[in-house]
Protein backbone atom coordinates (compact mmCIF):
# COMPACT_ATOMS: atom_id res chain seq x y z
CA MET A 1 0.49 -19.01 -5.87
CA THR A 2 -2.13 -20.03 -3.30
CA ILE A 3 -4.58 -17.37 -2.11
CA THR A 4 -5.22 -17.92 1.60
CA HIS A 5 -6.07 -14.45 2.97
CA LEU A 6 -7.92 -11.29 1.88
CA ILE A 7 -6.92 -7.70 2.66
CA SER A 8 -9.17 -4.78 1.79
CA ASP A 9 -8.66 -1.06 1.58
CA CYS A 10 -11.23 0.93 3.57
CA ASP A 11 -12.32 4.21 1.93
CA GLY A 12 -13.83 3.62 -1.49
CA VAL A 13 -13.90 -0.17 -1.14
CA LEU A 14 -15.68 -0.84 2.16
CA ILE A 15 -16.97 2.64 2.92
CA ASP A 16 -18.53 4.78 0.20
CA SER A 17 -16.56 7.85 1.29
CA GLU A 18 -14.25 8.87 -1.55
CA ALA A 19 -16.99 10.69 -3.48
CA VAL A 20 -17.77 12.64 -0.29
CA ALA A 21 -14.08 13.42 0.20
CA LEU A 22 -13.82 14.60 -3.41
CA GLN A 23 -16.58 17.17 -2.95
CA ALA A 24 -15.42 18.22 0.54
CA LEU A 25 -11.88 18.85 -0.71
CA ALA A 26 -13.20 20.82 -3.66
CA ASP A 27 -15.40 22.89 -1.31
CA TYR A 28 -12.42 23.67 0.90
CA LEU A 29 -9.96 24.47 -1.88
CA GLU A 30 -12.24 26.33 -4.28
CA PRO A 31 -11.97 29.73 -2.51
CA ILE A 32 -8.18 29.43 -2.71
CA ALA A 33 -7.73 27.90 -6.16
CA GLY A 34 -10.93 28.75 -8.04
CA ASP A 35 -12.19 26.73 -11.05
CA ARG A 36 -13.98 23.88 -9.28
CA ASP A 37 -14.06 21.66 -12.37
CA ARG A 38 -10.28 21.87 -12.69
CA LEU A 39 -9.88 21.13 -8.98
CA ILE A 40 -12.00 17.99 -9.26
CA GLU A 41 -9.92 16.86 -12.24
CA LEU A 42 -6.80 17.22 -10.07
CA ILE A 43 -8.25 15.69 -6.90
CA ARG A 44 -9.90 12.63 -8.46
CA PRO A 45 -6.75 10.74 -9.57
CA ARG A 46 -5.04 11.56 -6.25
CA LEU A 47 -7.72 9.98 -4.05
CA GLY A 48 -6.03 7.29 -1.97
CA LEU A 49 -3.04 9.46 -1.10
CA LYS A 50 -2.61 10.88 2.36
CA LEU A 51 -4.46 14.19 2.47
CA GLU A 52 -1.24 16.15 2.97
CA ALA A 53 0.39 14.65 -0.12
CA LEU A 54 -2.79 15.16 -2.15
CA VAL A 55 -3.12 18.84 -1.25
CA LEU A 56 0.57 19.65 -1.62
CA GLY A 57 0.59 18.01 -5.05
CA ILE A 58 -2.35 20.12 -6.21
CA CYS A 59 -0.80 23.30 -4.81
CA ALA A 60 2.43 22.55 -6.67
CA GLU A 61 0.59 21.89 -9.94
CA LEU A 62 -1.43 25.10 -9.63
CA ARG A 63 1.56 27.06 -8.31
CA LEU A 64 -0.24 28.00 -5.13
CA PRO A 65 1.44 28.64 -1.76
CA GLU A 66 1.74 25.54 0.37
CA PRO A 67 -0.78 25.48 3.25
CA SER A 68 0.60 25.61 6.78
CA VAL A 69 0.52 22.61 9.10
CA PRO A 70 -2.45 24.08 11.04
CA ASP A 71 -4.29 24.69 7.75
CA LEU A 72 -3.73 21.09 6.68
CA ALA A 73 -4.95 19.87 10.07
CA ALA A 74 -8.07 22.01 9.75
CA MET A 75 -8.68 20.71 6.25
CA ARG A 76 -8.30 17.11 7.44
CA GLY A 77 -10.81 17.74 10.20
CA VAL A 78 -13.38 19.17 7.79
CA VAL A 79 -12.96 16.43 5.17
CA GLU A 80 -12.90 13.51 7.63
CA GLY A 81 -15.83 14.96 9.54
CA GLU A 82 -17.91 15.18 6.38
CA CYS A 83 -16.91 11.66 5.30
CA ASP A 84 -17.64 10.18 8.72
CA ARG A 85 -21.00 11.95 8.97
CA LYS A 86 -22.13 10.53 5.61
CA ALA A 87 -20.43 7.14 5.96
CA LYS A 88 -22.23 4.15 4.50
CA PRO A 89 -21.04 0.77 3.19
CA VAL A 90 -20.29 0.38 -0.50
CA PRO A 91 -23.39 -1.31 -1.99
CA GLY A 92 -23.13 -5.09 -1.81
CA VAL A 93 -19.81 -5.22 0.04
CA ARG A 94 -21.07 -7.00 3.15
CA ALA A 95 -22.75 -9.82 1.24
CA ALA A 96 -19.73 -10.18 -1.04
CA LEU A 97 -17.24 -10.46 1.81
CA GLU A 98 -19.44 -12.76 3.86
CA SER A 99 -19.49 -15.23 0.97
CA ILE A 100 -15.68 -15.37 0.64
CA PRO A 101 -14.29 -18.06 2.97
CA LEU A 102 -10.95 -16.41 3.71
CA PRO A 103 -9.54 -14.64 6.79
CA LYS A 104 -9.86 -10.89 6.22
CA ALA A 105 -8.08 -7.72 7.32
CA VAL A 106 -8.17 -4.02 6.44
CA ALA A 107 -5.17 -1.97 5.28
CA SER A 108 -5.76 1.77 5.07
CA ASN A 109 -3.88 5.03 4.68
CA SER A 110 -6.18 6.54 7.28
CA ARG A 111 -5.70 6.54 11.05
CA LEU A 112 -6.53 3.45 13.09
CA MET A 113 -9.10 5.17 15.34
CA ARG A 114 -10.95 6.57 12.32
CA VAL A 115 -11.01 3.25 10.44
CA GLN A 116 -12.21 1.39 13.52
CA GLY A 117 -14.94 3.97 14.12
CA LEU A 118 -16.14 3.86 10.51
CA LEU A 119 -16.34 0.08 10.46
CA GLU A 120 -18.15 -0.02 13.78
CA ARG A 121 -20.73 2.58 12.69
CA THR A 122 -21.39 0.74 9.43
CA ASN A 123 -21.50 -2.68 11.14
CA LEU A 124 -18.65 -4.09 9.04
CA ILE A 125 -16.10 -4.52 11.83
CA SER A 126 -17.08 -8.14 12.53
CA LEU A 127 -15.91 -9.18 9.06
CA PHE A 128 -12.27 -8.42 9.86
CA ALA A 129 -11.04 -10.83 12.48
CA GLY A 130 -7.63 -10.58 10.84
CA GLY A 131 -7.25 -7.05 12.18
CA LEU A 132 -7.05 -3.42 11.12
CA TYR A 133 -3.74 -2.05 9.81
CA THR A 134 -3.13 1.59 9.03
CA ALA A 135 -0.38 3.95 7.96
CA ASP A 136 0.09 5.25 11.50
CA ILE A 137 0.80 1.66 12.62
CA ALA A 138 2.99 0.68 9.67
CA GLY A 139 4.95 3.94 9.75
CA ARG A 140 4.73 4.70 6.03
CA PRO A 141 1.65 5.36 3.88
CA LYS A 142 0.75 3.87 0.52
CA PRO A 143 2.21 3.75 -2.15
CA ASP A 144 4.88 2.34 0.16
CA PRO A 145 4.08 -1.37 0.68
CA ALA A 146 4.52 -1.16 4.48
CA VAL A 147 0.79 -1.19 5.30
CA TYR A 148 0.18 -4.32 3.25
CA LEU A 149 3.31 -6.07 4.50
CA THR A 150 2.24 -5.27 8.06
CA ALA A 151 -1.28 -6.59 7.44
CA ALA A 152 -0.02 -9.83 5.89
CA ALA A 153 2.44 -10.38 8.74
CA GLY A 154 -0.29 -9.65 11.29
CA MET A 155 -2.39 -12.44 9.81
CA GLY A 156 0.58 -14.79 9.66
CA ALA A 157 0.58 -15.01 5.86
CA PRO A 158 3.13 -14.15 3.18
CA ALA A 159 1.93 -11.18 1.13
CA ALA A 160 2.18 -13.42 -1.95
CA ASN A 161 -0.68 -15.50 -0.54
CA CYS A 162 -2.96 -12.50 -0.09
CA VAL A 163 -5.53 -11.02 -2.45
CA VAL A 164 -5.97 -7.27 -2.01
CA ILE A 165 -9.07 -5.23 -2.90
CA GLU A 166 -8.16 -1.67 -3.92
CA ASP A 167 -9.83 1.24 -5.68
CA SER A 168 -6.90 3.69 -6.01
CA ILE A 169 -3.74 3.76 -8.08
CA THR A 170 -1.76 4.51 -4.94
CA GLY A 171 -3.20 1.46 -3.20
CA VAL A 172 -2.66 -0.87 -6.14
CA GLN A 173 0.96 0.23 -6.37
CA ALA A 174 1.46 -0.45 -2.66
CA ALA A 175 -0.11 -3.91 -2.80
CA VAL A 176 1.82 -4.91 -5.92
CA ALA A 177 5.06 -3.72 -4.32
CA ALA A 178 4.24 -5.91 -1.32
CA GLY A 179 3.93 -8.93 -3.63
CA ALA A 180 0.15 -9.40 -3.29
CA THR A 181 -2.37 -10.13 -6.03
CA VAL A 182 -4.69 -7.17 -6.55
CA LEU A 183 -8.34 -6.90 -7.56
CA GLY A 184 -9.14 -3.35 -8.64
CA PHE A 185 -12.57 -1.89 -7.84
CA ALA A 186 -13.61 0.70 -10.43
CA GLY A 187 -17.30 0.95 -9.55
CA GLY A 188 -17.26 3.80 -7.04
CA PRO A 189 -18.97 7.11 -7.87
CA HIS A 190 -15.60 8.82 -7.37
CA SER A 191 -13.87 6.74 -10.05
CA PRO A 192 -12.98 8.50 -13.33
CA ALA A 193 -14.19 6.97 -16.59
CA ASP A 194 -10.79 5.46 -17.34
CA GLN A 195 -10.21 4.07 -13.84
CA ALA A 196 -10.39 0.42 -14.92
CA ASP A 197 -7.55 0.93 -17.40
CA ARG A 198 -5.56 2.92 -14.85
CA LEU A 199 -5.91 0.20 -12.23
CA ARG A 200 -4.74 -2.45 -14.71
CA GLN A 201 -1.77 -0.30 -15.70
CA ALA A 202 -0.86 0.08 -12.03
CA GLY A 203 -0.76 -3.72 -11.69
CA ALA A 204 -4.25 -4.97 -10.81
CA THR A 205 -4.71 -8.55 -12.02
CA LEU A 206 -8.48 -8.24 -12.43
CA VAL A 207 -10.76 -5.20 -12.39
CA PHE A 208 -14.47 -5.15 -11.48
CA ALA A 209 -17.27 -2.61 -11.24
CA SER A 210 -19.77 -4.26 -8.86
CA MET A 211 -19.32 -6.02 -5.52
CA GLU A 212 -21.54 -8.81 -6.83
CA GLU A 213 -18.58 -9.82 -9.01
CA LEU A 214 -16.08 -10.03 -6.14
CA PRO A 215 -16.72 -13.55 -4.78
CA GLY A 216 -16.43 -15.08 -8.25
CA LEU A 217 -13.20 -13.21 -8.96
CA VAL A 218 -11.62 -14.35 -5.72
CA GLU A 219 -12.64 -17.93 -6.49
CA ARG A 220 -11.15 -17.54 -9.97
CA LEU A 221 -7.84 -16.49 -8.44
CA ARG A 222 -7.93 -19.33 -5.93
CA SER A 223 -8.48 -21.83 -8.75
CA GLY A 224 -5.73 -20.33 -10.87
CA GLN A 225 -7.90 -18.65 -13.52
CA GLN A 226 -6.64 -15.10 -14.06
CA ALA A 227 -8.06 -13.96 -17.38
CA VAL A 228 -8.80 -10.25 -17.21
CA LEU A 229 -12.45 -9.33 -17.62
CA ASN A 230 -13.50 -7.29 -20.64
């Protein structure tokens, strides 16, 4: 295996937005479902899913009526608006990516216009000459591998030659299914205490908690050293 390209998820890896989304979803759902602590327990492991799948899964688990399409659209608008308003880069991510000498792209479950806007507002867009690839382009969201296969093809690389940076179980599953090597980021404020173990179980080769670690981990993969960190 030769690592020649890097593909990153957006929310929770590049943009520190998943913790905002967690609270915004809880705010929206609490009047319907009650018990905010229980809601957060249910939302947290589902972060990374499309919003519709996340909400429908919670409603099924709590035996609540499914929200209508207009209700889901309204919820998406509220959550994305809050995330976009408070958008900021994950600490250390720019310096980490700038020091990795690989072509880079983004693969996200979000919509292309939103991802592009977030990266422009946070001044990260210039890092991704390899392009932006999203579920609305690929046709199927993560955990389907389509987004990662589309990103790899767009950069002219086999997925097996790509290292993927992911923070969600859904994303790790998608990247592994595509045949990529995955580095799992468990350092976000939205991550549960056992996220590192969960990312490994989903197939991440290495797991890290700080962006300062990322360049060294990528270099370790490129040189063939894949011992999992303690």
